[in-house]
């Protein structure tokens, strides 16, 4: 999956992109909202096998300009899928994760845990 990032603002409860940005109808988008006052830390990936480093790729979609020098950016790093080496099960699992990630709505409720057993004290 290839991604690109746009900056937007919320106006009257709706996300407004810059006028120059046009997306096709029904385009699937991901919204990432930085929390105020919480610094963002982007950690570098650590590979168990350094031979896997070739599987990571970085694509520059837009060349930076001088006015971009002070802008905050967000970088997303995803491993490139090896061509022809993923099984149907791996592709199906990845699709399931992408479709369900962040889909939970509502509160998490922990049911009553019941009574715990009384144990004898140690001597």
PDB file of N, CA and C in Angstrom:
ATOM      1  N   UNK A   1       0.854  -1.168   0.000  1.00  0.00           N
ATOM      2  CA  UNK A   1       0.000   0.000   0.000  1.00  0.00           C
ATOM      3  C   UNK A   1       0.902   1.233   0.000  1.00  0.00           C
ATOM      4  N   UNK A   2       0.679   2.130  -0.917  1.00  0.00           N
ATOM      5  CA  UNK A   2       1.426   3.377  -0.961  1.00  0.00           C
ATOM      6  C   UNK A   2       0.585   4.448  -0.310  1.00  0.00           C
ATOM      7  N   UNK A   3       1.234   5.346   0.416  1.00  0.00           N
ATOM      8  CA  UNK A   3       0.532   6.400   1.144  1.00  0.00           C
ATOM      9  C   UNK A   3       1.112   7.757   0.801  1.00  0.00           C
ATOM     10  N   UNK A   4       0.302   8.775   0.951  1.00  0.00           N
ATOM     11  CA  UNK A   4       0.780  10.145   0.889  1.00  0.00           C
ATOM     12  C   UNK A   4       0.103  10.887   2.033  1.00  0.00           C
ATOM     13  N   UNK A   5       0.687  11.975   2.476  1.00  0.00           N
ATOM     14  CA  UNK A   5       0.168  12.691   3.631  1.00  0.00           C
ATOM     15  C   UNK A   5      -0.217  14.105   3.247  1.00  0.00           C
ATOM     16  N   UNK A   6      -1.382  14.558   3.709  1.00  0.00           N
ATOM     17  CA  UNK A   6      -1.839  15.923   3.506  1.00  0.00           C
ATOM     18  C   UNK A   6      -2.135  16.538   4.865  1.00  0.00           C
ATOM     19  N   UNK A   7      -1.893  17.815   4.985  1.00  0.00           N
ATOM     20  CA  UNK A   7      -2.239  18.521   6.217  1.00  0.00           C
ATOM     21  C   UNK A   7      -3.633  19.109   6.036  1.00  0.00           C
ATOM     22  N   UNK A   8      -4.421  19.066   7.107  1.00  0.00           N
ATOM     23  CA  UNK A   8      -5.788  19.569   7.043  1.00  0.00           C
ATOM     24  C   UNK A   8      -6.155  20.199   8.376  1.00  0.00           C
ATOM     25  N   UNK A   9      -7.289  20.890   8.408  1.00  0.00           N
ATOM     26  CA  UNK A   9      -7.811  21.470   9.638  1.00  0.00           C
ATOM     27  C   UNK A   9      -9.277  21.054   9.774  1.00  0.00           C
ATOM     28  N   UNK A  10      -9.769  21.111  11.010  1.00  0.00           N
ATOM     29  CA  UNK A  10     -11.172  20.801  11.247  1.00  0.00           C
ATOM     30  C   UNK A  10     -11.931  22.116  11.352  1.00  0.00           C
ATOM     31  N   UNK A  11     -12.958  22.274  10.525  1.00  0.00           N
ATOM     32  CA  UNK A  11     -13.815  23.455  10.543  1.00  0.00           C
ATOM     33  C   UNK A  11     -15.262  22.985  10.649  1.00  0.00           C
ATOM     34  N   UNK A  12     -15.958  23.445  11.673  1.00  0.00           N
ATOM     35  CA  UNK A  12     -17.361  23.061  11.888  1.00  0.00           C
ATOM     36  C   UNK A  12     -17.530  21.546  11.901  1.00  0.00           C
ATOM     37  N   UNK A  13     -16.570  20.864  12.523  1.00  0.00           N
ATOM     38  CA  UNK A  13     -16.666  19.413  12.664  1.00  0.00           C
ATOM     39  C   UNK A  13     -16.301  18.620  11.429  1.00  0.00           C
ATOM     40  N   UNK A  14     -15.851  19.283  10.351  1.00  0.00           N
ATOM     41  CA  UNK A  14     -15.475  18.567   9.142  1.00  0.00           C
ATOM     42  C   UNK A  14     -14.006  18.815   8.825  1.00  0.00           C
ATOM     43  N   UNK A  15     -13.369  17.805   8.283  1.00  0.00           N
ATOM     44  CA  UNK A  15     -11.957  17.904   7.921  1.00  0.00           C
ATOM     45  C   UNK A  15     -11.853  18.621   6.588  1.00  0.00           C
ATOM     46  N   UNK A  16     -11.079  19.720   6.568  1.00  0.00           N
ATOM     47  CA  UNK A  16     -10.908  20.517   5.346  1.00  0.00           C
ATOM     48  C   UNK A  16      -9.461  20.409   4.880  1.00  0.00           C
ATOM     49  N   UNK A  17      -9.289  19.889   3.657  1.00  0.00           N
ATOM     50  CA  UNK A  17      -7.975  19.833   3.033  1.00  0.00           C
ATOM     51  C   UNK A  17      -7.723  21.148   2.301  1.00  0.00           C
ATOM     52  N   UNK A  18      -6.498  21.385   1.933  1.00  0.00           N
ATOM     53  CA  UNK A  18      -6.170  22.578   1.150  1.00  0.00           C
ATOM     54  C   UNK A  18      -6.957  22.540  -0.165  1.00  0.00           C
ATOM     55  N   UNK A  19      -7.271  23.708  -0.703  1.00  0.00           N
ATOM     56  CA  UNK A  19      -8.077  23.790  -1.930  1.00  0.00           C
ATOM     57  C   UNK A  19      -7.467  23.010  -3.086  1.00  0.00           C
ATOM     58  N   UNK A  20      -6.129  22.931  -3.124  1.00  0.00           N
ATOM     59  CA  UNK A  20      -5.465  22.278  -4.251  1.00  0.00           C
ATOM     60  C   UNK A  20      -5.578  20.746  -4.197  1.00  0.00           C
ATOM     61  N   UNK A  21      -5.980  20.195  -3.062  1.00  0.00           N
ATOM     62  CA  UNK A  21      -6.051  18.740  -2.920  1.00  0.00           C
ATOM     63  C   UNK A  21      -7.408  18.238  -3.406  1.00  0.00           C
ATOM     64  N   UNK A  22      -7.395  17.349  -4.351  1.00  0.00           N
ATOM     65  CA  UNK A  22      -8.618  16.737  -4.867  1.00  0.00           C
ATOM     66  C   UNK A  22      -8.451  15.219  -4.770  1.00  0.00           C
ATOM     67  N   UNK A  23      -9.364  14.556  -4.100  1.00  0.00           N
ATOM     68  CA  UNK A  23      -9.325  13.106  -3.973  1.00  0.00           C
ATOM     69  C   UNK A  23     -10.537  12.518  -4.688  1.00  0.00           C
ATOM     70  N   UNK A  24     -10.377  11.350  -5.291  1.00  0.00           N
ATOM     71  CA  UNK A  24     -11.519  10.708  -5.933  1.00  0.00           C
ATOM     72  C   UNK A  24     -12.583  10.342  -4.896  1.00  0.00           C
ATOM     73  N   UNK A  25     -13.845  10.331  -5.310  1.00  0.00           N
ATOM     74  CA  UNK A  25     -14.933   9.950  -4.420  1.00  0.00           C
ATOM     75  C   UNK A  25     -14.684   8.562  -3.845  1.00  0.00           C
ATOM     76  N   UNK A  26     -15.065   8.370  -2.596  1.00  0.00           N
ATOM     77  CA  UNK A  26     -14.986   7.098  -1.874  1.00  0.00           C
ATOM     78  C   UNK A  26     -13.547   6.623  -1.656  1.00  0.00           C
ATOM     79  N   UNK A  27     -12.579   7.555  -1.711  1.00  0.00           N
ATOM     80  CA  UNK A  27     -11.199   7.194  -1.414  1.00  0.00           C
ATOM     81  C   UNK A  27     -11.096   6.866   0.069  1.00  0.00           C
ATOM     82  N   UNK A  28     -10.449   5.741   0.390  1.00  0.00           N
ATOM     83  CA  UNK A  28     -10.238   5.364   1.784  1.00  0.00           C
ATOM     84  C   UNK A  28      -9.112   6.230   2.339  1.00  0.00           C
ATOM     85  N   UNK A  29      -9.360   6.900   3.474  1.00  0.00           N
ATOM     86  CA  UNK A  29      -8.353   7.758   4.083  1.00  0.00           C
ATOM     87  C   UNK A  29      -8.151   7.353   5.541  1.00  0.00           C
ATOM     88  N   UNK A  30      -6.991   7.673   6.094  1.00  0.00           N
ATOM     89  CA  UNK A  30      -6.674   7.437   7.484  1.00  0.00           C
ATOM     90  C   UNK A  30      -6.454   8.799   8.127  1.00  0.00           C
ATOM     91  N   UNK A  31      -7.073   9.055   9.259  1.00  0.00           N
ATOM     92  CA  UNK A  31      -6.948  10.342   9.930  1.00  0.00           C
ATOM     93  C   UNK A  31      -6.111  10.137  11.188  1.00  0.00           C
ATOM     94  N   UNK A  32      -5.015  10.869  11.298  1.00  0.00           N
ATOM     95  CA  UNK A  32      -4.135  10.804  12.466  1.00  0.00           C
ATOM     96  C   UNK A  32      -4.188  12.167  13.126  1.00  0.00           C
ATOM     97  N   UNK A  33      -4.579  12.201  14.392  1.00  0.00           N
ATOM     98  CA  UNK A  33      -4.753  13.473  15.096  1.00  0.00           C
ATOM     99  C   UNK A  33      -3.718  13.557  16.213  1.00  0.00           C
ATOM    100  N   UNK A  34      -2.783  14.525  16.137  1.00  0.00           N
ATOM    101  CA  UNK A  34      -1.823  14.687  17.233  1.00  0.00           C
ATOM    102  C   UNK A  34      -2.529  15.277  18.451  1.00  0.00           C
ATOM    103  N   UNK A  35      -2.239  14.718  19.620  1.00  0.00           N
ATOM    104  CA  UNK A  35      -2.839  15.233  20.843  1.00  0.00           C
ATOM    105  C   UNK A  35      -2.064  16.466  21.301  1.00  0.00           C
ATOM    106  N   UNK A  36      -2.758  17.539  21.701  1.00  0.00           N
ATOM    107  CA  UNK A  36      -2.061  18.754  22.114  1.00  0.00           C
ATOM    108  C   UNK A  36      -1.226  18.508  23.367  1.00  0.00           C
ATOM    109  N   UNK A  37      -0.027  19.060  23.355  1.00  0.00           N
ATOM    110  CA  UNK A  37       0.849  18.993  24.525  1.00  0.00           C
ATOM    111  C   UNK A  37       1.599  17.690  24.679  1.00  0.00           C
ATOM    112  N   UNK A  38       1.357  16.716  23.806  1.00  0.00           N
ATOM    113  CA  UNK A  38       2.056  15.442  23.903  1.00  0.00           C
ATOM    114  C   UNK A  38       3.059  15.380  22.751  1.00  0.00           C
ATOM    115  N   UNK A  39       4.350  15.347  23.077  1.00  0.00           N
ATOM    116  CA  UNK A  39       5.352  15.313  21.998  1.00  0.00           C
ATOM    117  C   UNK A  39       5.266  14.005  21.220  1.00  0.00           C
ATOM    118  N   UNK A  40       5.518  14.098  19.932  1.00  0.00           N
ATOM    119  CA  UNK A  40       5.484  12.930  19.066  1.00  0.00           C
ATOM    120  C   UNK A  40       6.907  12.424  18.905  1.00  0.00           C
ATOM    121  N   UNK A  41       7.092  11.147  19.130  1.00  0.00           N
ATOM    122  CA  UNK A  41       8.414  10.542  18.986  1.00  0.00           C
ATOM    123  C   UNK A  41       8.310   9.480  17.905  1.00  0.00           C
ATOM    124  N   UNK A  42       9.150   9.588  16.920  1.00  0.00           N
ATOM    125  CA  UNK A  42       9.182   8.595  15.856  1.00  0.00           C
ATOM    126  C   UNK A  42      10.434   7.758  16.068  1.00  0.00           C
ATOM    127  N   UNK A  43      10.214   6.514  16.438  1.00  0.00           N
ATOM    128  CA  UNK A  43      11.343   5.623  16.702  1.00  0.00           C
ATOM    129  C   UNK A  43      11.828   4.995  15.406  1.00  0.00           C
ATOM    130  N   UNK A  44      13.124   4.756  15.361  1.00  0.00           N
ATOM    131  CA  UNK A  44      13.685   4.068  14.203  1.00  0.00           C
ATOM    132  C   UNK A  44      13.392   2.587  14.326  1.00  0.00           C
ATOM    133  N   UNK A  45      13.108   1.928  13.218  1.00  0.00           N
ATOM    134  CA  UNK A  45      12.858   0.489  13.315  1.00  0.00           C
ATOM    135  C   UNK A  45      14.144  -0.253  13.628  1.00  0.00           C
ATOM    136  N   UNK A  46      14.023  -1.310  14.400  1.00  0.00           N
ATOM    137  CA  UNK A  46      15.160  -2.160  14.733  1.00  0.00           C
ATOM    138  C   UNK A  46      14.878  -3.538  14.129  1.00  0.00           C
ATOM    139  N   UNK A  47      15.783  -4.017  13.332  1.00  0.00           N
ATOM    140  CA  UNK A  47      15.597  -5.302  12.670  1.00  0.00           C
ATOM    141  C   UNK A  47      16.406  -6.374  13.383  1.00  0.00           C
ATOM    142  N   UNK A  48      15.800  -7.536  13.579  1.00  0.00           N
ATOM    143  CA  UNK A  48      16.526  -8.655  14.160  1.00  0.00           C
ATOM    144  C   UNK A  48      17.587  -9.124  13.181  1.00  0.00           C
ATOM    145  N   UNK A  49      17.219  -9.181  11.918  1.00  0.00           N
ATOM    146  CA  UNK A  49      18.132  -9.614  10.867  1.00  0.00           C
ATOM    147  C   UNK A  49      18.426  -8.422   9.965  1.00  0.00           C
ATOM    148  N   UNK A  50      19.639  -7.913  10.006  1.00  0.00           N
ATOM    149  CA  UNK A  50      19.972  -6.723   9.210  1.00  0.00           C
ATOM    150  C   UNK A  50      19.857  -6.989   7.709  1.00  0.00           C
ATOM    151  N   UNK A  51      19.811  -8.239   7.309  1.00  0.00           N
ATOM    152  CA  UNK A  51      19.627  -8.566   5.903  1.00  0.00           C
ATOM    153  C   UNK A  51      18.247  -8.193   5.391  1.00  0.00           C
ATOM    154  N   UNK A  52      17.311  -7.937   6.309  1.00  0.00           N
ATOM    155  CA  UNK A  52      15.962  -7.537   5.921  1.00  0.00           C
ATOM    156  C   UNK A  52      15.877  -6.053   5.569  1.00  0.00           C
ATOM    157  N   UNK A  53      16.920  -5.295   5.792  1.00  0.00           N
ATOM    158  CA  UNK A  53      16.893  -3.850   5.566  1.00  0.00           C
ATOM    159  C   UNK A  53      16.524  -3.506   4.125  1.00  0.00           C
ATOM    160  N   UNK A  54      16.873  -4.381   3.190  1.00  0.00           N
ATOM    161  CA  UNK A  54      16.551  -4.110   1.784  1.00  0.00           C
ATOM    162  C   UNK A  54      15.044  -4.118   1.547  1.00  0.00           C
ATOM    163  N   UNK A  55      14.270  -4.719   2.460  1.00  0.00           N
ATOM    164  CA  UNK A  55      12.826  -4.777   2.308  1.00  0.00           C
ATOM    165  C   UNK A  55      12.122  -3.494   2.688  1.00  0.00           C
ATOM    166  N   UNK A  56      12.866  -2.514   3.205  1.00  0.00           N
ATOM    167  CA  UNK A  56      12.268  -1.240   3.586  1.00  0.00           C
ATOM    168  C   UNK A  56      12.612  -0.205   2.522  1.00  0.00           C
ATOM    169  N   UNK A  57      11.596   0.524   2.101  1.00  0.00           N
ATOM    170  CA  UNK A  57      11.808   1.514   1.051  1.00  0.00           C
ATOM    171  C   UNK A  57      11.223   2.844   1.486  1.00  0.00           C
ATOM    172  N   UNK A  58      11.814   3.934   1.050  1.00  0.00           N
ATOM    173  CA  UNK A  58      11.315   5.271   1.342  1.00  0.00           C
ATOM    174  C   UNK A  58      11.050   5.953   0.007  1.00  0.00           C
ATOM    175  N   UNK A  59       9.851   6.471  -0.139  1.00  0.00           N
ATOM    176  CA  UNK A  59       9.484   7.147  -1.376  1.00  0.00           C
ATOM    177  C   UNK A  59       9.176   8.604  -1.061  1.00  0.00           C
ATOM    178  N   UNK A  60       9.875   9.534  -1.712  1.00  0.00           N
ATOM    179  CA  UNK A  60       9.602  10.954  -1.530  1.00  0.00           C
ATOM    180  C   UNK A  60       8.567  11.344  -2.573  1.00  0.00           C
ATOM    181  N   UNK A  61       7.379  11.744  -2.081  1.00  0.00           N
ATOM    182  CA  UNK A  61       6.293  12.081  -2.985  1.00  0.00           C
ATOM    183  C   UNK A  61       6.402  13.520  -3.451  1.00  0.00           C
ATOM    184  N   UNK A  62       6.890  14.385  -2.585  1.00  0.00           N
ATOM    185  CA  UNK A  62       6.945  15.811  -2.891  1.00  0.00           C
ATOM    186  C   UNK A  62       8.303  16.350  -2.445  1.00  0.00           C
ATOM    187  N   UNK A  63       8.974  17.051  -3.307  1.00  0.00           N
ATOM    188  CA  UNK A  63      10.255  17.646  -2.940  1.00  0.00           C
ATOM    189  C   UNK A  63      10.020  18.817  -1.986  1.00  0.00           C
ATOM    190  N   UNK A  64      10.781  18.898  -0.876  1.00  0.00           N
ATOM    191  CA  UNK A  64      10.578  20.011   0.056  1.00  0.00           C
ATOM    192  C   UNK A  64      11.072  21.336  -0.533  1.00  0.00           C
ATOM    193  N   UNK A  65      10.445  22.410  -0.091  1.00  0.00           N
ATOM    194  CA  UNK A  65      10.863  23.745  -0.506  1.00  0.00           C
ATOM    195  C   UNK A  65      11.435  24.463   0.706  1.00  0.00           C
ATOM    196  N   UNK A  66      11.949  25.653   0.501  1.00  0.00           N
ATOM    197  CA  UNK A  66      12.537  26.423   1.603  1.00  0.00           C
ATOM    198  C   UNK A  66      11.502  26.732   2.688  1.00  0.00           C
ATOM    199  N   UNK A  67      10.245  26.983   2.294  1.00  0.00           N
ATOM    200  CA  UNK A  67       9.220  27.296   3.290  1.00  0.00           C
ATOM    201  C   UNK A  67       8.861  26.074   4.141  1.00  0.00           C
ATOM    202  N   UNK A  68       9.206  24.867   3.674  1.00  0.00           N
ATOM    203  CA  UNK A  68       8.921  23.648   4.424  1.00  0.00           C
ATOM    204  C   UNK A  68       9.955  23.365   5.520  1.00  0.00           C
ATOM    205  N   UNK A  69      11.003  24.153   5.583  1.00  0.00           N
ATOM    206  CA  UNK A  69      12.100  23.867   6.496  1.00  0.00           C
ATOM    207  C   UNK A  69      11.669  23.799   7.959  1.00  0.00           C
ATOM    208  N   UNK A  70      10.672  24.573   8.366  1.00  0.00           N
ATOM    209  CA  UNK A  70      10.242  24.598   9.761  1.00  0.00           C
ATOM    210  C   UNK A  70       8.943  23.837  10.009  1.00  0.00           C
ATOM    211  N   UNK A  71       8.398  23.187   9.006  1.00  0.00           N
ATOM    212  CA  UNK A  71       7.138  22.453   9.177  1.00  0.00           C
ATOM    213  C   UNK A  71       7.349  21.156   9.935  1.00  0.00           C
ATOM    214  N   UNK A  72       6.356  20.802  10.772  1.00  0.00           N
ATOM    215  CA  UNK A  72       6.374  19.501  11.410  1.00  0.00           C
ATOM    216  C   UNK A  72       5.862  18.496  10.395  1.00  0.00           C
ATOM    217  N   UNK A  73       6.459  17.325  10.386  1.00  0.00           N
ATOM    218  CA  UNK A  73       6.031  16.288   9.466  1.00  0.00           C
ATOM    219  C   UNK A  73       5.827  14.987  10.225  1.00  0.00           C
ATOM    220  N   UNK A  74       5.109  14.101   9.626  1.00  0.00           N
ATOM    221  CA  UNK A  74       4.942  12.760  10.172  1.00  0.00           C
ATOM    222  C   UNK A  74       5.461  11.786   9.140  1.00  0.00           C
ATOM    223  N   UNK A  75       6.275  10.860   9.591  1.00  0.00           N
ATOM    224  CA  UNK A  75       6.863   9.873   8.697  1.00  0.00           C
ATOM    225  C   UNK A  75       6.289   8.507   9.058  1.00  0.00           C
ATOM    226  N   UNK A  76       5.797   7.798   8.073  1.00  0.00           N
ATOM    227  CA  UNK A  76       5.293   6.449   8.270  1.00  0.00           C
ATOM    228  C   UNK A  76       6.198   5.494   7.524  1.00  0.00           C
ATOM    229  N   UNK A  77       6.714   4.508   8.232  1.00  0.00           N
ATOM    230  CA  UNK A  77       7.612   3.544   7.610  1.00  0.00           C
ATOM    231  C   UNK A  77       6.926   2.185   7.660  1.00  0.00           C
ATOM    232  N   UNK A  78       6.768   1.579   6.491  1.00  0.00           N
ATOM    233  CA  UNK A  78       6.184   0.253   6.397  1.00  0.00           C
ATOM    234  C   UNK A  78       7.128  -0.609   5.580  1.00  0.00           C
ATOM    235  N   UNK A  79       7.269  -1.876   5.976  1.00  0.00           N
ATOM    236  CA  UNK A  79       8.138  -2.746   5.172  1.00  0.00           C
ATOM    237  C   UNK A  79       7.527  -2.990   3.805  1.00  0.00           C
ATOM    238  N   UNK A  80       8.381  -2.985   2.804  1.00  0.00           N
ATOM    239  CA  UNK A  80       7.913  -3.299   1.459  1.00  0.00           C
ATOM    240  C   UNK A  80       7.673  -4.801   1.393  1.00  0.00           C
ATOM    241  N   UNK A  81       6.592  -5.203   0.753  1.00  0.00           N
ATOM    242  CA  UNK A  81       6.312  -6.625   0.637  1.00  0.00           C
ATOM    243  C   UNK A  81       7.216  -7.223  -0.434  1.00  0.00           C
ATOM    244  N   UNK A  82       7.880  -8.326  -0.098  1.00  0.00           N
ATOM    245  CA  UNK A  82       8.707  -8.977  -1.114  1.00  0.00           C
ATOM    246  C   UNK A  82       7.817  -9.431  -2.271  1.00  0.00           C
ATOM    247  N   UNK A  83       8.243  -9.168  -3.479  1.00  0.00           N
ATOM    248  CA  UNK A  83       7.437  -9.499  -4.650  1.00  0.00           C
ATOM    249  C   UNK A  83       7.362 -11.012  -4.827  1.00  0.00           C
ATOM    250  N   UNK A  84       6.128 -11.512  -4.881  1.00  0.00           N
ATOM    251  CA  UNK A  84       5.911 -12.925  -5.137  1.00  0.00           C
ATOM    252  C   UNK A  84       6.243 -13.840  -3.980  1.00  0.00           C
ATOM    253  N   UNK A  85       6.548 -13.311  -2.789  1.00  0.00           N
ATOM    254  CA  UNK A  85       6.941 -14.163  -1.680  1.00  0.00           C
ATOM    255  C   UNK A  85       5.898 -14.227  -0.574  1.00  0.00           C
ATOM    256  N   UNK A  86       4.764 -13.570  -0.737  1.00  0.00           N
ATOM    257  CA  UNK A  86       3.748 -13.623   0.298  1.00  0.00           C
ATOM    258  C   UNK A  86       2.711 -14.677  -0.071  1.00  0.00           C
ATOM    259  N   UNK A  87       2.351 -15.466   0.921  1.00  0.00           N
ATOM    260  CA  UNK A  87       1.367 -16.521   0.685  1.00  0.00           C
ATOM    261  C   UNK A  87      -0.039 -15.915   0.719  1.00  0.00           C
ATOM    262  N   UNK A  88      -1.017 -16.627   0.185  1.00  0.00           N
ATOM    263  CA  UNK A  88      -2.395 -16.122   0.258  1.00  0.00           C
ATOM    264  C   UNK A  88      -2.840 -15.901   1.711  1.00  0.00           C
ATOM    265  N   UNK A  89      -2.386 -16.762   2.627  1.00  0.00           N
ATOM    266  CA  UNK A  89      -2.745 -16.603   4.036  1.00  0.00           C
ATOM    267  C   UNK A  89      -2.174 -15.295   4.600  1.00  0.00           C
ATOM    268  N   UNK A  90      -0.933 -14.970   4.236  1.00  0.00           N
ATOM    269  CA  UNK A  90      -0.319 -13.722   4.708  1.00  0.00           C
ATOM    270  C   UNK A  90      -1.068 -12.517   4.163  1.00  0.00           C
ATOM    271  N   UNK A  91      -1.427 -12.552   2.882  1.00  0.00           N
ATOM    272  CA  UNK A  91      -2.161 -11.443   2.288  1.00  0.00           C
ATOM    273  C   UNK A  91      -3.543 -11.299   2.935  1.00  0.00           C
ATOM    274  N   UNK A  92      -4.212 -12.437   3.183  1.00  0.00           N
ATOM    275  CA  UNK A  92      -5.532 -12.414   3.809  1.00  0.00           C
ATOM    276  C   UNK A  92      -5.445 -11.846   5.227  1.00  0.00           C
ATOM    277  N   UNK A  93      -4.425 -12.246   5.990  1.00  0.00           N
ATOM    278  CA  UNK A  93      -4.239 -11.737   7.357  1.00  0.00           C
ATOM    279  C   UNK A  93      -3.962 -10.232   7.332  1.00  0.00           C
ATOM    280  N   UNK A  94      -3.097  -9.789   6.447  1.00  0.00           N
ATOM    281  CA  UNK A  94      -2.775  -8.362   6.351  1.00  0.00           C
ATOM    282  C   UNK A  94      -4.028  -7.548   5.985  1.00  0.00           C
ATOM    283  N   UNK A  95      -4.835  -8.058   5.063  1.00  0.00           N
ATOM    284  CA  UNK A  95      -6.060  -7.361   4.679  1.00  0.00           C
ATOM    285  C   UNK A  95      -7.014  -7.295   5.868  1.00  0.00           C
ATOM    286  N   UNK A  96      -7.140  -8.381   6.631  1.00  0.00           N
ATOM    287  CA  UNK A  96      -8.000  -8.397   7.813  1.00  0.00           C
ATOM    288  C   UNK A  96      -7.553  -7.332   8.813  1.00  0.00           C
ATOM    289  N   UNK A  97      -6.254  -7.237   9.071  1.00  0.00           N
ATOM    290  CA  UNK A  97      -5.727  -6.249  10.025  1.00  0.00           C
ATOM    291  C   UNK A  97      -6.013  -4.841   9.514  1.00  0.00           C
ATOM    292  N   UNK A  98      -5.781  -4.581   8.235  1.00  0.00           N
ATOM    293  CA  UNK A  98      -6.010  -3.243   7.694  1.00  0.00           C
ATOM    294  C   UNK A  98      -7.488  -2.858   7.750  1.00  0.00           C
ATOM    295  N   UNK A  99      -8.383  -3.810   7.588  1.00  0.00           N
ATOM    296  CA  UNK A  99      -9.808  -3.510   7.613  1.00  0.00           C
ATOM    297  C   UNK A  99     -10.353  -3.336   9.020  1.00  0.00           C
ATOM    298  N   UNK A 100      -9.745  -3.995  10.003  1.00  0.00           N
ATOM    299  CA  UNK A 100     -10.297  -3.953  11.356  1.00  0.00           C
ATOM    300  C   UNK A 100      -9.541  -3.047  12.323  1.00  0.00           C
ATOM    301  N   UNK A 101      -8.329  -2.639  11.985  1.00  0.00           N
ATOM    302  CA  UNK A 101      -7.549  -1.789  12.887  1.00  0.00           C
ATOM    303  C   UNK A 101      -8.286  -0.481  13.144  1.00  0.00           C
ATOM    304  N   UNK A 102      -8.484  -0.155  14.407  1.00  0.00           N
ATOM    305  CA  UNK A 102      -9.147   1.084  14.778  1.00  0.00           C
ATOM    306  C   UNK A 102     -10.654   1.046  14.639  1.00  0.00           C
ATOM    307  N   UNK A 103     -11.243  -0.131  14.396  1.00  0.00           N
ATOM    308  CA  UNK A 103     -12.679  -0.208  14.152  1.00  0.00           C
ATOM    309  C   UNK A 103     -13.516  -0.312  15.432  1.00  0.00           C
ATOM    310  N   UNK A 104     -12.897  -0.583  16.581  1.00  0.00           N
ATOM    311  CA  UNK A 104     -13.657  -0.737  17.823  1.00  0.00           C
ATOM    312  C   UNK A 104     -14.368   0.563  18.155  1.00  0.00           C
ATOM    313  N   UNK A 105     -15.646   0.462  18.478  1.00  0.00           N
ATOM    314  CA  UNK A 105     -16.410   1.624  18.895  1.00  0.00           C
ATOM    315  C   UNK A 105     -17.042   1.295  20.234  1.00  0.00           C
ATOM    316  N   UNK A 106     -17.051   2.268  21.125  1.00  0.00           N
ATOM    317  CA  UNK A 106     -17.660   2.049  22.429  1.00  0.00           C
ATOM    318  C   UNK A 106     -16.604   1.893  23.507  1.00  0.00           C
ATOM    319  N   UNK A 107     -17.070   1.560  24.699  1.00  0.00           N
ATOM    320  CA  UNK A 107     -16.179   1.409  25.837  1.00  0.00           C
ATOM    321  C   UNK A 107     -15.798  -0.053  25.998  1.00  0.00           C
ATOM    322  N   UNK A 108     -14.595  -0.268  26.500  1.00  0.00           N
ATOM    323  CA  UNK A 108     -14.188  -1.616  26.854  1.00  0.00           C
ATOM    324  C   UNK A 108     -14.691  -1.882  28.273  1.00  0.00           C
ATOM    325  N   UNK A 109     -15.388  -2.968  28.460  1.00  0.00           N
ATOM    326  CA  UNK A 109     -15.956  -3.292  29.764  1.00  0.00           C
ATOM    327  C   UNK A 109     -15.386  -4.624  30.206  1.00  0.00           C
ATOM    328  N   UNK A 110     -14.810  -4.644  31.414  1.00  0.00           N
ATOM    329  CA  UNK A 110     -14.283  -5.879  31.966  1.00  0.00           C
ATOM    330  C   UNK A 110     -15.363  -6.509  32.830  1.00  0.00           C
ATOM    331  N   UNK A 111     -15.786  -7.728  32.509  1.00  0.00           N
ATOM    332  CA  UNK A 111     -16.838  -8.354  33.304  1.00  0.00           C
ATOM    333  C   UNK A 111     -16.333  -8.702  34.703  1.00  0.00           C
ATOM    334  N   UNK A 112     -17.271  -8.971  35.604  1.00  0.00           N
ATOM    335  CA  UNK A 112     -16.943  -9.341  36.976  1.00  0.00           C
ATOM    336  C   UNK A 112     -16.020 -10.558  36.960  1.00  0.00           C
ATOM    337  N   UNK A 113     -14.949 -10.506  37.733  1.00  0.00           N
ATOM    338  CA  UNK A 113     -13.949 -11.568  37.739  1.00  0.00           C
ATOM    339  C   UNK A 113     -14.253 -12.661  38.760  1.00  0.00           C
ATOM    340  N   UNK A 114     -15.349 -12.513  39.498  1.00  0.00           N
ATOM    341  CA  UNK A 114     -15.714 -13.549  40.462  1.00  0.00           C
ATOM    342  C   UNK A 114     -14.853 -13.469  41.717  1.00  0.00           C
ATOM    343  N   UNK A 115     -14.968 -14.495  42.534  1.00  0.00           N
ATOM    344  CA  UNK A 115     -14.203 -14.524  43.788  1.00  0.00           C
ATOM    345  C   UNK A 115     -12.896 -15.253  43.559  1.00  0.00           C
ATOM    346  N   UNK A 116     -11.866 -14.823  44.255  1.00  0.00           N
ATOM    347  CA  UNK A 116     -10.601 -15.520  44.144  1.00  0.00           C
ATOM    348  C   UNK A 116     -10.487 -16.499  45.314  1.00  0.00           C
ATOM    349  N   UNK A 117      -9.737 -17.561  45.078  1.00  0.00           N
ATOM    350  CA  UNK A 117      -9.641 -18.605  46.088  1.00  0.00           C
ATOM    351  C   UNK A 117      -8.776 -18.146  47.262  1.00  0.00           C
ATOM    352  N   UNK A 118      -9.102 -18.638  48.445  1.00  0.00           N
ATOM    353  CA  UNK A 118      -8.320 -18.364  49.656  1.00  0.00           C
ATOM    354  C   UNK A 118      -7.229 -19.431  49.744  1.00  0.00           C
ATOM    355  N   UNK A 119      -6.006 -18.989  49.832  1.00  0.00           N
ATOM    356  CA  UNK A 119      -4.887 -19.938  49.904  1.00  0.00           C
ATOM    357  C   UNK A 119      -4.315 -19.956  51.311  1.00  0.00           C
ATOM    358  N   UNK A 120      -3.715 -21.067  51.645  1.00  0.00           N
ATOM    359  CA  UNK A 120      -3.042 -21.191  52.943  1.00  0.00           C
ATOM    360  C   UNK A 120      -1.815 -20.298  52.937  1.00  0.00           C
ATOM    361  N   UNK A 121      -1.523 -19.699  54.074  1.00  0.00           N
ATOM    362  CA  UNK A 121      -0.319 -18.870  54.176  1.00  0.00           C
ATOM    363  C   UNK A 121       0.919 -19.747  54.175  1.00  0.00           C
ATOM    364  N   UNK A 122       1.998 -19.220  53.629  1.00  0.00           N
ATOM    365  CA  UNK A 122       3.263 -19.947  53.621  1.00  0.00           C
ATOM    366  C   UNK A 122       3.859 -19.948  55.028  1.00  0.00           C
ATOM    367  N   UNK A 123       4.541 -21.046  55.416  1.00  0.00           N
ATOM    368  CA  UNK A 123       5.150 -21.078  56.765  1.00  0.00           C
ATOM    369  C   UNK A 123       6.287 -20.080  56.903  1.00  0.00           C
TER     370      UNK A 123
END
